[in-house]
């Protein structure tokens, strides 16, 4: 059994994040 590597952060497209209301600019 090997140590679990840390997964990278998931980038979101700007339009998708804007529709979801998770970002502001």
PDBML (XML) file of the C-alpha atoms, coordinates in Angstrom:
<?xml version="1.0" encoding="UTF-8" ?>
<PDBx:datablock datablockName="MODEL"
   xmlns:PDBx="http://pdbml.pdb.org/schema/pdbx-v50.xsd"
   xmlns:xsi="http://www.w3.org/2001/XMLSchema-instance"
   xsi:schemaLocation="http://pdbml.pdb.org/schema/pdbx-v50.xsd pdbx-v50.xsd">
   <PDBx:atom_siteCategory>
      <PDBx:atom_site id="1">
         <PDBx:B_iso_or_equiv>0.00</PDBx:B_iso_or_equiv>
         <PDBx:Cartn_x>0.000</PDBx:Cartn_x>
         <PDBx:Cartn_y>0.000</PDBx:Cartn_y>
         <PDBx:Cartn_z>0.000</PDBx:Cartn_z>
         <PDBx:auth_asym_id>A</PDBx:auth_asym_id>
         <PDBx:auth_atom_id>CA</PDBx:auth_atom_id>
         <PDBx:auth_comp_id>UNK</PDBx:auth_comp_id>
         <PDBx:auth_seq_id>1</PDBx:auth_seq_id>
         <PDBx:group_PDB>ATOM</PDBx:group_PDB>
         <PDBx:label_alt_id xsi:nil="true" />
         <PDBx:label_asym_id>A</PDBx:label_asym_id>
         <PDBx:label_atom_id>CA</PDBx:label_atom_id>
         <PDBx:label_comp_id>UNK</PDBx:label_comp_id>
         <PDBx:label_entity_id>1</PDBx:label_entity_id>
         <PDBx:label_seq_id>1</PDBx:label_seq_id>
         <PDBx:occupancy>1.00</PDBx:occupancy>
         <PDBx:pdbx_PDB_model_num>1</PDBx:pdbx_PDB_model_num>
         <PDBx:type_symbol>C</PDBx:type_symbol>
      </PDBx:atom_site>
      <PDBx:atom_site id="2">
         <PDBx:B_iso_or_equiv>0.00</PDBx:B_iso_or_equiv>
         <PDBx:Cartn_x>1.383</PDBx:Cartn_x>
         <PDBx:Cartn_y>3.363</PDBx:Cartn_y>
         <PDBx:Cartn_z>-1.078</PDBx:Cartn_z>
         <PDBx:auth_asym_id>A</PDBx:auth_asym_id>
         <PDBx:auth_atom_id>CA</PDBx:auth_atom_id>
         <PDBx:auth_comp_id>UNK</PDBx:auth_comp_id>
         <PDBx:auth_seq_id>2</PDBx:auth_seq_id>
         <PDBx:group_PDB>ATOM</PDBx:group_PDB>
         <PDBx:label_alt_id xsi:nil="true" />
         <PDBx:label_asym_id>A</PDBx:label_asym_id>
         <PDBx:label_atom_id>CA</PDBx:label_atom_id>
         <PDBx:label_comp_id>UNK</PDBx:label_comp_id>
         <PDBx:label_entity_id>1</PDBx:label_entity_id>
         <PDBx:label_seq_id>2</PDBx:label_seq_id>
         <PDBx:occupancy>1.00</PDBx:occupancy>
         <PDBx:pdbx_PDB_model_num>1</PDBx:pdbx_PDB_model_num>
         <PDBx:type_symbol>C</PDBx:type_symbol>
      </PDBx:atom_site>
      <PDBx:atom_site id="3">
         <PDBx:B_iso_or_equiv>0.00</PDBx:B_iso_or_equiv>
         <PDBx:Cartn_x>0.617</PDBx:Cartn_x>
         <PDBx:Cartn_y>6.786</PDBx:Cartn_y>
         <PDBx:Cartn_z>0.442</PDBx:Cartn_z>
         <PDBx:auth_asym_id>A</PDBx:auth_asym_id>
         <PDBx:auth_atom_id>CA</PDBx:auth_atom_id>
         <PDBx:auth_comp_id>UNK</PDBx:auth_comp_id>
         <PDBx:auth_seq_id>3</PDBx:auth_seq_id>
         <PDBx:group_PDB>ATOM</PDBx:group_PDB>
         <PDBx:label_alt_id xsi:nil="true" />
         <PDBx:label_asym_id>A</PDBx:label_asym_id>
         <PDBx:label_atom_id>CA</PDBx:label_atom_id>
         <PDBx:label_comp_id>UNK</PDBx:label_comp_id>
         <PDBx:label_entity_id>1</PDBx:label_entity_id>
         <PDBx:label_seq_id>3</PDBx:label_seq_id>
         <PDBx:occupancy>1.00</PDBx:occupancy>
         <PDBx:pdbx_PDB_model_num>1</PDBx:pdbx_PDB_model_num>
         <PDBx:type_symbol>C</PDBx:type_symbol>
      </PDBx:atom_site>
      <PDBx:atom_site id="4">
         <PDBx:B_iso_or_equiv>0.00</PDBx:B_iso_or_equiv>
         <PDBx:Cartn_x>-2.230</PDBx:Cartn_x>
         <PDBx:Cartn_y>8.532</PDBx:Cartn_y>
         <PDBx:Cartn_z>-1.330</PDBx:Cartn_z>
         <PDBx:auth_asym_id>A</PDBx:auth_asym_id>
         <PDBx:auth_atom_id>CA</PDBx:auth_atom_id>
         <PDBx:auth_comp_id>UNK</PDBx:auth_comp_id>
         <PDBx:auth_seq_id>4</PDBx:auth_seq_id>
         <PDBx:group_PDB>ATOM</PDBx:group_PDB>
         <PDBx:label_alt_id xsi:nil="true" />
         <PDBx:label_asym_id>A</PDBx:label_asym_id>
         <PDBx:label_atom_id>CA</PDBx:label_atom_id>
         <PDBx:label_comp_id>UNK</PDBx:label_comp_id>
         <PDBx:label_entity_id>1</PDBx:label_entity_id>
         <PDBx:label_seq_id>4</PDBx:label_seq_id>
         <PDBx:occupancy>1.00</PDBx:occupancy>
         <PDBx:pdbx_PDB_model_num>1</PDBx:pdbx_PDB_model_num>
         <PDBx:type_symbol>C</PDBx:type_symbol>
      </PDBx:atom_site>
      <PDBx:atom_site id="5">
         <PDBx:B_iso_or_equiv>0.00</PDBx:B_iso_or_equiv>
         <PDBx:Cartn_x>-0.889</PDBx:Cartn_x>
         <PDBx:Cartn_y>11.476</PDBx:Cartn_y>
         <PDBx:Cartn_z>-3.374</PDBx:Cartn_z>
         <PDBx:auth_asym_id>A</PDBx:auth_asym_id>
         <PDBx:auth_atom_id>CA</PDBx:auth_atom_id>
         <PDBx:auth_comp_id>UNK</PDBx:auth_comp_id>
         <PDBx:auth_seq_id>5</PDBx:auth_seq_id>
         <PDBx:group_PDB>ATOM</PDBx:group_PDB>
         <PDBx:label_alt_id xsi:nil="true" />
         <PDBx:label_asym_id>A</PDBx:label_asym_id>
         <PDBx:label_atom_id>CA</PDBx:label_atom_id>
         <PDBx:label_comp_id>UNK</PDBx:label_comp_id>
         <PDBx:label_entity_id>1</PDBx:label_entity_id>
         <PDBx:label_seq_id>5</PDBx:label_seq_id>
         <PDBx:occupancy>1.00</PDBx:occupancy>
         <PDBx:pdbx_PDB_model_num>1</PDBx:pdbx_PDB_model_num>
         <PDBx:type_symbol>C</PDBx:type_symbol>
      </PDBx:atom_site>
      <PDBx:atom_site id="6">
         <PDBx:B_iso_or_equiv>0.00</PDBx:B_iso_or_equiv>
         <PDBx:Cartn_x>-2.611</PDBx:Cartn_x>
         <PDBx:Cartn_y>14.800</PDBx:Cartn_y>
         <PDBx:Cartn_z>-3.008</PDBx:Cartn_z>
         <PDBx:auth_asym_id>A</PDBx:auth_asym_id>
         <PDBx:auth_atom_id>CA</PDBx:auth_atom_id>
         <PDBx:auth_comp_id>UNK</PDBx:auth_comp_id>
         <PDBx:auth_seq_id>6</PDBx:auth_seq_id>
         <PDBx:group_PDB>ATOM</PDBx:group_PDB>
         <PDBx:label_alt_id xsi:nil="true" />
         <PDBx:label_asym_id>A</PDBx:label_asym_id>
         <PDBx:label_atom_id>CA</PDBx:label_atom_id>
         <PDBx:label_comp_id>UNK</PDBx:label_comp_id>
         <PDBx:label_entity_id>1</PDBx:label_entity_id>
         <PDBx:label_seq_id>6</PDBx:label_seq_id>
         <PDBx:occupancy>1.00</PDBx:occupancy>
         <PDBx:pdbx_PDB_model_num>1</PDBx:pdbx_PDB_model_num>
         <PDBx:type_symbol>C</PDBx:type_symbol>
      </PDBx:atom_site>
      <PDBx:atom_site id="7">
         <PDBx:B_iso_or_equiv>0.00</PDBx:B_iso_or_equiv>
         <PDBx:Cartn_x>-4.938</PDBx:Cartn_x>
         <PDBx:Cartn_y>15.516</PDBx:Cartn_y>
         <PDBx:Cartn_z>-5.915</PDBx:Cartn_z>
         <PDBx:auth_asym_id>A</PDBx:auth_asym_id>
         <PDBx:auth_atom_id>CA</PDBx:auth_atom_id>
         <PDBx:auth_comp_id>UNK</PDBx:auth_comp_id>
         <PDBx:auth_seq_id>7</PDBx:auth_seq_id>
         <PDBx:group_PDB>ATOM</PDBx:group_PDB>
         <PDBx:label_alt_id xsi:nil="true" />
         <PDBx:label_asym_id>A</PDBx:label_asym_id>
         <PDBx:label_atom_id>CA</PDBx:label_atom_id>
         <PDBx:label_comp_id>UNK</PDBx:label_comp_id>
         <PDBx:label_entity_id>1</PDBx:label_entity_id>
         <PDBx:label_seq_id>7</PDBx:label_seq_id>
         <PDBx:occupancy>1.00</PDBx:occupancy>
         <PDBx:pdbx_PDB_model_num>1</PDBx:pdbx_PDB_model_num>
         <PDBx:type_symbol>C</PDBx:type_symbol>
      </PDBx:atom_site>
      <PDBx:atom_site id="8">
         <PDBx:B_iso_or_equiv>0.00</PDBx:B_iso_or_equiv>
         <PDBx:Cartn_x>-4.464</PDBx:Cartn_x>
         <PDBx:Cartn_y>18.828</PDBx:Cartn_y>
         <PDBx:Cartn_z>-7.708</PDBx:Cartn_z>
         <PDBx:auth_asym_id>A</PDBx:auth_asym_id>
         <PDBx:auth_atom_id>CA</PDBx:auth_atom_id>
         <PDBx:auth_comp_id>UNK</PDBx:auth_comp_id>
         <PDBx:auth_seq_id>8</PDBx:auth_seq_id>
         <PDBx:group_PDB>ATOM</PDBx:group_PDB>
         <PDBx:label_alt_id xsi:nil="true" />
         <PDBx:label_asym_id>A</PDBx:label_asym_id>
         <PDBx:label_atom_id>CA</PDBx:label_atom_id>
         <PDBx:label_comp_id>UNK</PDBx:label_comp_id>
         <PDBx:label_entity_id>1</PDBx:label_entity_id>
         <PDBx:label_seq_id>8</PDBx:label_seq_id>
         <PDBx:occupancy>1.00</PDBx:occupancy>
         <PDBx:pdbx_PDB_model_num>1</PDBx:pdbx_PDB_model_num>
         <PDBx:type_symbol>C</PDBx:type_symbol>
      </PDBx:atom_site>
      <PDBx:atom_site id="9">
         <PDBx:B_iso_or_equiv>0.00</PDBx:B_iso_or_equiv>
         <PDBx:Cartn_x>-7.123</PDBx:Cartn_x>
         <PDBx:Cartn_y>21.549</PDBx:Cartn_y>
         <PDBx:Cartn_z>-7.362</PDBx:Cartn_z>
         <PDBx:auth_asym_id>A</PDBx:auth_asym_id>
         <PDBx:auth_atom_id>CA</PDBx:auth_atom_id>
         <PDBx:auth_comp_id>UNK</PDBx:auth_comp_id>
         <PDBx:auth_seq_id>9</PDBx:auth_seq_id>
         <PDBx:group_PDB>ATOM</PDBx:group_PDB>
         <PDBx:label_alt_id xsi:nil="true" />
         <PDBx:label_asym_id>A</PDBx:label_asym_id>
         <PDBx:label_atom_id>CA</PDBx:label_atom_id>
         <PDBx:label_comp_id>UNK</PDBx:label_comp_id>
         <PDBx:label_entity_id>1</PDBx:label_entity_id>
         <PDBx:label_seq_id>9</PDBx:label_seq_id>
         <PDBx:occupancy>1.00</PDBx:occupancy>
         <PDBx:pdbx_PDB_model_num>1</PDBx:pdbx_PDB_model_num>
         <PDBx:type_symbol>C</PDBx:type_symbol>
      </PDBx:atom_site>
      <PDBx:atom_site id="10">
         <PDBx:B_iso_or_equiv>0.00</PDBx:B_iso_or_equiv>
         <PDBx:Cartn_x>-9.849</PDBx:Cartn_x>
         <PDBx:Cartn_y>21.423</PDBx:Cartn_y>
         <PDBx:Cartn_z>-9.990</PDBx:Cartn_z>
         <PDBx:auth_asym_id>A</PDBx:auth_asym_id>
         <PDBx:auth_atom_id>CA</PDBx:auth_atom_id>
         <PDBx:auth_comp_id>UNK</PDBx:auth_comp_id>
         <PDBx:auth_seq_id>10</PDBx:auth_seq_id>
         <PDBx:group_PDB>ATOM</PDBx:group_PDB>
         <PDBx:label_alt_id xsi:nil="true" />
         <PDBx:label_asym_id>A</PDBx:label_asym_id>
         <PDBx:label_atom_id>CA</PDBx:label_atom_id>
         <PDBx:label_comp_id>UNK</PDBx:label_comp_id>
         <PDBx:label_entity_id>1</PDBx:label_entity_id>
         <PDBx:label_seq_id>10</PDBx:label_seq_id>
         <PDBx:occupancy>1.00</PDBx:occupancy>
         <PDBx:pdbx_PDB_model_num>1</PDBx:pdbx_PDB_model_num>
         <PDBx:type_symbol>C</PDBx:type_symbol>
      </PDBx:atom_site>
      <PDBx:atom_site id="11">
         <PDBx:B_iso_or_equiv>0.00</PDBx:B_iso_or_equiv>
         <PDBx:Cartn_x>-9.834</PDBx:Cartn_x>
         <PDBx:Cartn_y>24.514</PDBx:Cartn_y>
         <PDBx:Cartn_z>-12.245</PDBx:Cartn_z>
         <PDBx:auth_asym_id>A</PDBx:auth_asym_id>
         <PDBx:auth_atom_id>CA</PDBx:auth_atom_id>
         <PDBx:auth_comp_id>UNK</PDBx:auth_comp_id>
         <PDBx:auth_seq_id>11</PDBx:auth_seq_id>
         <PDBx:group_PDB>ATOM</PDBx:group_PDB>
         <PDBx:label_alt_id xsi:nil="true" />
         <PDBx:label_asym_id>A</PDBx:label_asym_id>
         <PDBx:label_atom_id>CA</PDBx:label_atom_id>
         <PDBx:label_comp_id>UNK</PDBx:label_comp_id>
         <PDBx:label_entity_id>1</PDBx:label_entity_id>
         <PDBx:label_seq_id>11</PDBx:label_seq_id>
         <PDBx:occupancy>1.00</PDBx:occupancy>
         <PDBx:pdbx_PDB_model_num>1</PDBx:pdbx_PDB_model_num>
         <PDBx:type_symbol>C</PDBx:type_symbol>
      </PDBx:atom_site>
      <PDBx:atom_site id="12">
         <PDBx:B_iso_or_equiv>0.00</PDBx:B_iso_or_equiv>
         <PDBx:Cartn_x>-13.234</PDBx:Cartn_x>
         <PDBx:Cartn_y>25.830</PDBx:Cartn_y>
         <PDBx:Cartn_z>-13.304</PDBx:Cartn_z>
         <PDBx:auth_asym_id>A</PDBx:auth_asym_id>
         <PDBx:auth_atom_id>CA</PDBx:auth_atom_id>
         <PDBx:auth_comp_id>UNK</PDBx:auth_comp_id>
         <PDBx:auth_seq_id>12</PDBx:auth_seq_id>
         <PDBx:group_PDB>ATOM</PDBx:group_PDB>
         <PDBx:label_alt_id xsi:nil="true" />
         <PDBx:label_asym_id>A</PDBx:label_asym_id>
         <PDBx:label_atom_id>CA</PDBx:label_atom_id>
         <PDBx:label_comp_id>UNK</PDBx:label_comp_id>
         <PDBx:label_entity_id>1</PDBx:label_entity_id>
         <PDBx:label_seq_id>12</PDBx:label_seq_id>
         <PDBx:occupancy>1.00</PDBx:occupancy>
         <PDBx:pdbx_PDB_model_num>1</PDBx:pdbx_PDB_model_num>
         <PDBx:type_symbol>C</PDBx:type_symbol>
      </PDBx:atom_site>
      <PDBx:atom_site id="13">
         <PDBx:B_iso_or_equiv>0.00</PDBx:B_iso_or_equiv>
         <PDBx:Cartn_x>-14.099</PDBx:Cartn_x>
         <PDBx:Cartn_y>27.696</PDBx:Cartn_y>
         <PDBx:Cartn_z>-16.466</PDBx:Cartn_z>
         <PDBx:auth_asym_id>A</PDBx:auth_asym_id>
         <PDBx:auth_atom_id>CA</PDBx:auth_atom_id>
         <PDBx:auth_comp_id>UNK</PDBx:auth_comp_id>
         <PDBx:auth_seq_id>13</PDBx:auth_seq_id>
         <PDBx:group_PDB>ATOM</PDBx:group_PDB>
         <PDBx:label_alt_id xsi:nil="true" />
         <PDBx:label_asym_id>A</PDBx:label_asym_id>
         <PDBx:label_atom_id>CA</PDBx:label_atom_id>
         <PDBx:label_comp_id>UNK</PDBx:label_comp_id>
         <PDBx:label_entity_id>1</PDBx:label_entity_id>
         <PDBx:label_seq_id>13</PDBx:label_seq_id>
         <PDBx:occupancy>1.00</PDBx:occupancy>
         <PDBx:pdbx_PDB_model_num>1</PDBx:pdbx_PDB_model_num>
         <PDBx:type_symbol>C</PDBx:type_symbol>
      </PDBx:atom_site>
      <PDBx:atom_site id="14">
         <PDBx:B_iso_or_equiv>0.00</PDBx:B_iso_or_equiv>
         <PDBx:Cartn_x>-15.021</PDBx:Cartn_x>
         <PDBx:Cartn_y>31.298</PDBx:Cartn_y>
         <PDBx:Cartn_z>-15.736</PDBx:Cartn_z>
         <PDBx:auth_asym_id>A</PDBx:auth_asym_id>
         <PDBx:auth_atom_id>CA</PDBx:auth_atom_id>
         <PDBx:auth_comp_id>UNK</PDBx:auth_comp_id>
         <PDBx:auth_seq_id>14</PDBx:auth_seq_id>
         <PDBx:group_PDB>ATOM</PDBx:group_PDB>
         <PDBx:label_alt_id xsi:nil="true" />
         <PDBx:label_asym_id>A</PDBx:label_asym_id>
         <PDBx:label_atom_id>CA</PDBx:label_atom_id>
         <PDBx:label_comp_id>UNK</PDBx:label_comp_id>
         <PDBx:label_entity_id>1</PDBx:label_entity_id>
         <PDBx:label_seq_id>14</PDBx:label_seq_id>
         <PDBx:occupancy>1.00</PDBx:occupancy>
         <PDBx:pdbx_PDB_model_num>1</PDBx:pdbx_PDB_model_num>
         <PDBx:type_symbol>C</PDBx:type_symbol>
      </PDBx:atom_site>
      <PDBx:atom_site id="15">
         <PDBx:B_iso_or_equiv>0.00</PDBx:B_iso_or_equiv>
         <PDBx:Cartn_x>-18.477</PDBx:Cartn_x>
         <PDBx:Cartn_y>31.070</PDBx:Cartn_y>
         <PDBx:Cartn_z>-17.314</PDBx:Cartn_z>
         <PDBx:auth_asym_id>A</PDBx:auth_asym_id>
         <PDBx:auth_atom_id>CA</PDBx:auth_atom_id>
         <PDBx:auth_comp_id>UNK</PDBx:auth_comp_id>
         <PDBx:auth_seq_id>15</PDBx:auth_seq_id>
         <PDBx:group_PDB>ATOM</PDBx:group_PDB>
         <PDBx:label_alt_id xsi:nil="true" />
         <PDBx:label_asym_id>A</PDBx:label_asym_id>
         <PDBx:label_atom_id>CA</PDBx:label_atom_id>
         <PDBx:label_comp_id>UNK</PDBx:label_comp_id>
         <PDBx:label_entity_id>1</PDBx:label_entity_id>
         <PDBx:label_seq_id>15</PDBx:label_seq_id>
         <PDBx:occupancy>1.00</PDBx:occupancy>
         <PDBx:pdbx_PDB_model_num>1</PDBx:pdbx_PDB_model_num>
         <PDBx:type_symbol>C</PDBx:type_symbol>
      </PDBx:atom_site>
      <PDBx:atom_site id="16">
         <PDBx:B_iso_or_equiv>0.00</PDBx:B_iso_or_equiv>
         <PDBx:Cartn_x>-19.300</PDBx:Cartn_x>
         <PDBx:Cartn_y>27.925</PDBx:Cartn_y>
         <PDBx:Cartn_z>-15.330</PDBx:Cartn_z>
         <PDBx:auth_asym_id>A</PDBx:auth_asym_id>
         <PDBx:auth_atom_id>CA</PDBx:auth_atom_id>
         <PDBx:auth_comp_id>UNK</PDBx:auth_comp_id>
         <PDBx:auth_seq_id>16</PDBx:auth_seq_id>
         <PDBx:group_PDB>ATOM</PDBx:group_PDB>
         <PDBx:label_alt_id xsi:nil="true" />
         <PDBx:label_asym_id>A</PDBx:label_asym_id>
         <PDBx:label_atom_id>CA</PDBx:label_atom_id>
         <PDBx:label_comp_id>UNK</PDBx:label_comp_id>
         <PDBx:label_entity_id>1</PDBx:label_entity_id>
         <PDBx:label_seq_id>16</PDBx:label_seq_id>
         <PDBx:occupancy>1.00</PDBx:occupancy>
         <PDBx:pdbx_PDB_model_num>1</PDBx:pdbx_PDB_model_num>
         <PDBx:type_symbol>C</PDBx:type_symbol>
      </PDBx:atom_site>
      <PDBx:atom_site id="17">
         <PDBx:B_iso_or_equiv>0.00</PDBx:B_iso_or_equiv>
         <PDBx:Cartn_x>-18.154</PDBx:Cartn_x>
         <PDBx:Cartn_y>29.414</PDBx:Cartn_y>
         <PDBx:Cartn_z>-12.041</PDBx:Cartn_z>
         <PDBx:auth_asym_id>A</PDBx:auth_asym_id>
         <PDBx:auth_atom_id>CA</PDBx:auth_atom_id>
         <PDBx:auth_comp_id>UNK</PDBx:auth_comp_id>
         <PDBx:auth_seq_id>17</PDBx:auth_seq_id>
         <PDBx:group_PDB>ATOM</PDBx:group_PDB>
         <PDBx:label_alt_id xsi:nil="true" />
         <PDBx:label_asym_id>A</PDBx:label_asym_id>
         <PDBx:label_atom_id>CA</PDBx:label_atom_id>
         <PDBx:label_comp_id>UNK</PDBx:label_comp_id>
         <PDBx:label_entity_id>1</PDBx:label_entity_id>
         <PDBx:label_seq_id>17</PDBx:label_seq_id>
         <PDBx:occupancy>1.00</PDBx:occupancy>
         <PDBx:pdbx_PDB_model_num>1</PDBx:pdbx_PDB_model_num>
         <PDBx:type_symbol>C</PDBx:type_symbol>
      </PDBx:atom_site>
      <PDBx:atom_site id="18">
         <PDBx:B_iso_or_equiv>0.00</PDBx:B_iso_or_equiv>
         <PDBx:Cartn_x>-19.995</PDBx:Cartn_x>
         <PDBx:Cartn_y>32.665</PDBx:Cartn_y>
         <PDBx:Cartn_z>-12.744</PDBx:Cartn_z>
         <PDBx:auth_asym_id>A</PDBx:auth_asym_id>
         <PDBx:auth_atom_id>CA</PDBx:auth_atom_id>
         <PDBx:auth_comp_id>UNK</PDBx:auth_comp_id>
         <PDBx:auth_seq_id>18</PDBx:auth_seq_id>
         <PDBx:group_PDB>ATOM</PDBx:group_PDB>
         <PDBx:label_alt_id xsi:nil="true" />
         <PDBx:label_asym_id>A</PDBx:label_asym_id>
         <PDBx:label_atom_id>CA</PDBx:label_atom_id>
         <PDBx:label_comp_id>UNK</PDBx:label_comp_id>
         <PDBx:label_entity_id>1</PDBx:label_entity_id>
         <PDBx:label_seq_id>18</PDBx:label_seq_id>
         <PDBx:occupancy>1.00</PDBx:occupancy>
         <PDBx:pdbx_PDB_model_num>1</PDBx:pdbx_PDB_model_num>
         <PDBx:type_symbol>C</PDBx:type_symbol>
      </PDBx:atom_site>
      <PDBx:atom_site id="19">
         <PDBx:B_iso_or_equiv>0.00</PDBx:B_iso_or_equiv>
         <PDBx:Cartn_x>-23.279</PDBx:Cartn_x>
         <PDBx:Cartn_y>30.842</PDBx:Cartn_y>
         <PDBx:Cartn_z>-13.391</PDBx:Cartn_z>
         <PDBx:auth_asym_id>A</PDBx:auth_asym_id>
         <PDBx:auth_atom_id>CA</PDBx:auth_atom_id>
         <PDBx:auth_comp_id>UNK</PDBx:auth_comp_id>
         <PDBx:auth_seq_id>19</PDBx:auth_seq_id>
         <PDBx:group_PDB>ATOM</PDBx:group_PDB>
         <PDBx:label_alt_id xsi:nil="true" />
         <PDBx:label_asym_id>A</PDBx:label_asym_id>
         <PDBx:label_atom_id>CA</PDBx:label_atom_id>
         <PDBx:label_comp_id>UNK</PDBx:label_comp_id>
         <PDBx:label_entity_id>1</PDBx:label_entity_id>
         <PDBx:label_seq_id>19</PDBx:label_seq_id>
         <PDBx:occupancy>1.00</PDBx:occupancy>
         <PDBx:pdbx_PDB_model_num>1</PDBx:pdbx_PDB_model_num>
         <PDBx:type_symbol>C</PDBx:type_symbol>
      </PDBx:atom_site>
      <PDBx:atom_site id="20">
         <PDBx:B_iso_or_equiv>0.00</PDBx:B_iso_or_equiv>
         <PDBx:Cartn_x>-22.794</PDBx:Cartn_x>
         <PDBx:Cartn_y>28.850</PDBx:Cartn_y>
         <PDBx:Cartn_z>-10.203</PDBx:Cartn_z>
         <PDBx:auth_asym_id>A</PDBx:auth_asym_id>
         <PDBx:auth_atom_id>CA</PDBx:auth_atom_id>
         <PDBx:auth_comp_id>UNK</PDBx:auth_comp_id>
         <PDBx:auth_seq_id>20</PDBx:auth_seq_id>
         <PDBx:group_PDB>ATOM</PDBx:group_PDB>
         <PDBx:label_alt_id xsi:nil="true" />
         <PDBx:label_asym_id>A</PDBx:label_asym_id>
         <PDBx:label_atom_id>CA</PDBx:label_atom_id>
         <PDBx:label_comp_id>UNK</PDBx:label_comp_id>
         <PDBx:label_entity_id>1</PDBx:label_entity_id>
         <PDBx:label_seq_id>20</PDBx:label_seq_id>
         <PDBx:occupancy>1.00</PDBx:occupancy>
         <PDBx:pdbx_PDB_model_num>1</PDBx:pdbx_PDB_model_num>
         <PDBx:type_symbol>C</PDBx:type_symbol>
      </PDBx:atom_site>
      <PDBx:atom_site id="21">
         <PDBx:B_iso_or_equiv>0.00</PDBx:B_iso_or_equiv>
         <PDBx:Cartn_x>-22.281</PDBx:Cartn_x>
         <PDBx:Cartn_y>32.049</PDBx:Cartn_y>
         <PDBx:Cartn_z>-8.232</PDBx:Cartn_z>
         <PDBx:auth_asym_id>A</PDBx:auth_asym_id>
         <PDBx:auth_atom_id>CA</PDBx:auth_atom_id>
         <PDBx:auth_comp_id>UNK</PDBx:auth_comp_id>
         <PDBx:auth_seq_id>21</PDBx:auth_seq_id>
         <PDBx:group_PDB>ATOM</PDBx:group_PDB>
         <PDBx:label_alt_id xsi:nil="true" />
         <PDBx:label_asym_id>A</PDBx:label_asym_id>
         <PDBx:label_atom_id>CA</PDBx:label_atom_id>
         <PDBx:label_comp_id>UNK</PDBx:label_comp_id>
         <PDBx:label_entity_id>1</PDBx:label_entity_id>
         <PDBx:label_seq_id>21</PDBx:label_seq_id>
         <PDBx:occupancy>1.00</PDBx:occupancy>
         <PDBx:pdbx_PDB_model_num>1</PDBx:pdbx_PDB_model_num>
         <PDBx:type_symbol>C</PDBx:type_symbol>
      </PDBx:atom_site>
      <PDBx:atom_site id="22">
         <PDBx:B_iso_or_equiv>0.00</PDBx:B_iso_or_equiv>
         <PDBx:Cartn_x>-18.941</PDBx:Cartn_x>
         <PDBx:Cartn_y>30.906</PDBx:Cartn_y>
         <PDBx:Cartn_z>-6.785</PDBx:Cartn_z>
         <PDBx:auth_asym_id>A</PDBx:auth_asym_id>
         <PDBx:auth_atom_id>CA</PDBx:auth_atom_id>
         <PDBx:auth_comp_id>UNK</PDBx:auth_comp_id>
         <PDBx:auth_seq_id>22</PDBx:auth_seq_id>
         <PDBx:group_PDB>ATOM</PDBx:group_PDB>
         <PDBx:label_alt_id xsi:nil="true" />
         <PDBx:label_asym_id>A</PDBx:label_asym_id>
         <PDBx:label_atom_id>CA</PDBx:label_atom_id>
         <PDBx:label_comp_id>UNK</PDBx:label_comp_id>
         <PDBx:label_entity_id>1</PDBx:label_entity_id>
         <PDBx:label_seq_id>22</PDBx:label_seq_id>
         <PDBx:occupancy>1.00</PDBx:occupancy>
         <PDBx:pdbx_PDB_model_num>1</PDBx:pdbx_PDB_model_num>
         <PDBx:type_symbol>C</PDBx:type_symbol>
      </PDBx:atom_site>
      <PDBx:atom_site id="23">
         <PDBx:B_iso_or_equiv>0.00</PDBx:B_iso_or_equiv>
         <PDBx:Cartn_x>-16.822</PDBx:Cartn_x>
         <PDBx:Cartn_y>33.834</PDBx:Cartn_y>
         <PDBx:Cartn_z>-8.013</PDBx:Cartn_z>
         <PDBx:auth_asym_id>A</PDBx:auth_asym_id>
         <PDBx:auth_atom_id>CA</PDBx:auth_atom_id>
         <PDBx:auth_comp_id>UNK</PDBx:auth_comp_id>
         <PDBx:auth_seq_id>23</PDBx:auth_seq_id>
         <PDBx:group_PDB>ATOM</PDBx:group_PDB>
         <PDBx:label_alt_id xsi:nil="true" />
         <PDBx:label_asym_id>A</PDBx:label_asym_id>
         <PDBx:label_atom_id>CA</PDBx:label_atom_id>
         <PDBx:label_comp_id>UNK</PDBx:label_comp_id>
         <PDBx:label_entity_id>1</PDBx:label_entity_id>
         <PDBx:label_seq_id>23</PDBx:label_seq_id>
         <PDBx:occupancy>1.00</PDBx:occupancy>
         <PDBx:pdbx_PDB_model_num>1</PDBx:pdbx_PDB_model_num>
         <PDBx:type_symbol>C</PDBx:type_symbol>
      </PDBx:atom_site>
      <PDBx:atom_site id="24">
         <PDBx:B_iso_or_equiv>0.00</PDBx:B_iso_or_equiv>
         <PDBx:Cartn_x>-17.038</PDBx:Cartn_x>
         <PDBx:Cartn_y>37.590</PDBx:Cartn_y>
         <PDBx:Cartn_z>-8.482</PDBx:Cartn_z>
         <PDBx:auth_asym_id>A</PDBx:auth_asym_id>
         <PDBx:auth_atom_id>CA</PDBx:auth_atom_id>
         <PDBx:auth_comp_id>UNK</PDBx:auth_comp_id>
         <PDBx:auth_seq_id>24</PDBx:auth_seq_id>
         <PDBx:group_PDB>ATOM</PDBx:group_PDB>
         <PDBx:label_alt_id xsi:nil="true" />
         <PDBx:label_asym_id>A</PDBx:label_asym_id>
         <PDBx:label_atom_id>CA</PDBx:label_atom_id>
         <PDBx:label_comp_id>UNK</PDBx:label_comp_id>
         <PDBx:label_entity_id>1</PDBx:label_entity_id>
         <PDBx:label_seq_id>24</PDBx:label_seq_id>
         <PDBx:occupancy>1.00</PDBx:occupancy>
         <PDBx:pdbx_PDB_model_num>1</PDBx:pdbx_PDB_model_num>
         <PDBx:type_symbol>C</PDBx:type_symbol>
      </PDBx:atom_site>
      <PDBx:atom_site id="25">
         <PDBx:B_iso_or_equiv>0.00</PDBx:B_iso_or_equiv>
         <PDBx:Cartn_x>-14.898</PDBx:Cartn_x>
         <PDBx:Cartn_y>39.999</PDBx:Cartn_y>
         <PDBx:Cartn_z>-10.458</PDBx:Cartn_z>
         <PDBx:auth_asym_id>A</PDBx:auth_asym_id>
         <PDBx:auth_atom_id>CA</PDBx:auth_atom_id>
         <PDBx:auth_comp_id>UNK</PDBx:auth_comp_id>
         <PDBx:auth_seq_id>25</PDBx:auth_seq_id>
         <PDBx:group_PDB>ATOM</PDBx:group_PDB>
         <PDBx:label_alt_id xsi:nil="true" />
         <PDBx:label_asym_id>A</PDBx:label_asym_id>
         <PDBx:label_atom_id>CA</PDBx:label_atom_id>
         <PDBx:label_comp_id>UNK</PDBx:label_comp_id>
         <PDBx:label_entity_id>1</PDBx:label_entity_id>
         <PDBx:label_seq_id>25</PDBx:label_seq_id>
         <PDBx:occupancy>1.00</PDBx:occupancy>
         <PDBx:pdbx_PDB_model_num>1</PDBx:pdbx_PDB_model_num>
         <PDBx:type_symbol>C</PDBx:type_symbol>
      </PDBx:atom_site>
   </PDBx:atom_siteCategory>
</PDBx:datablock>
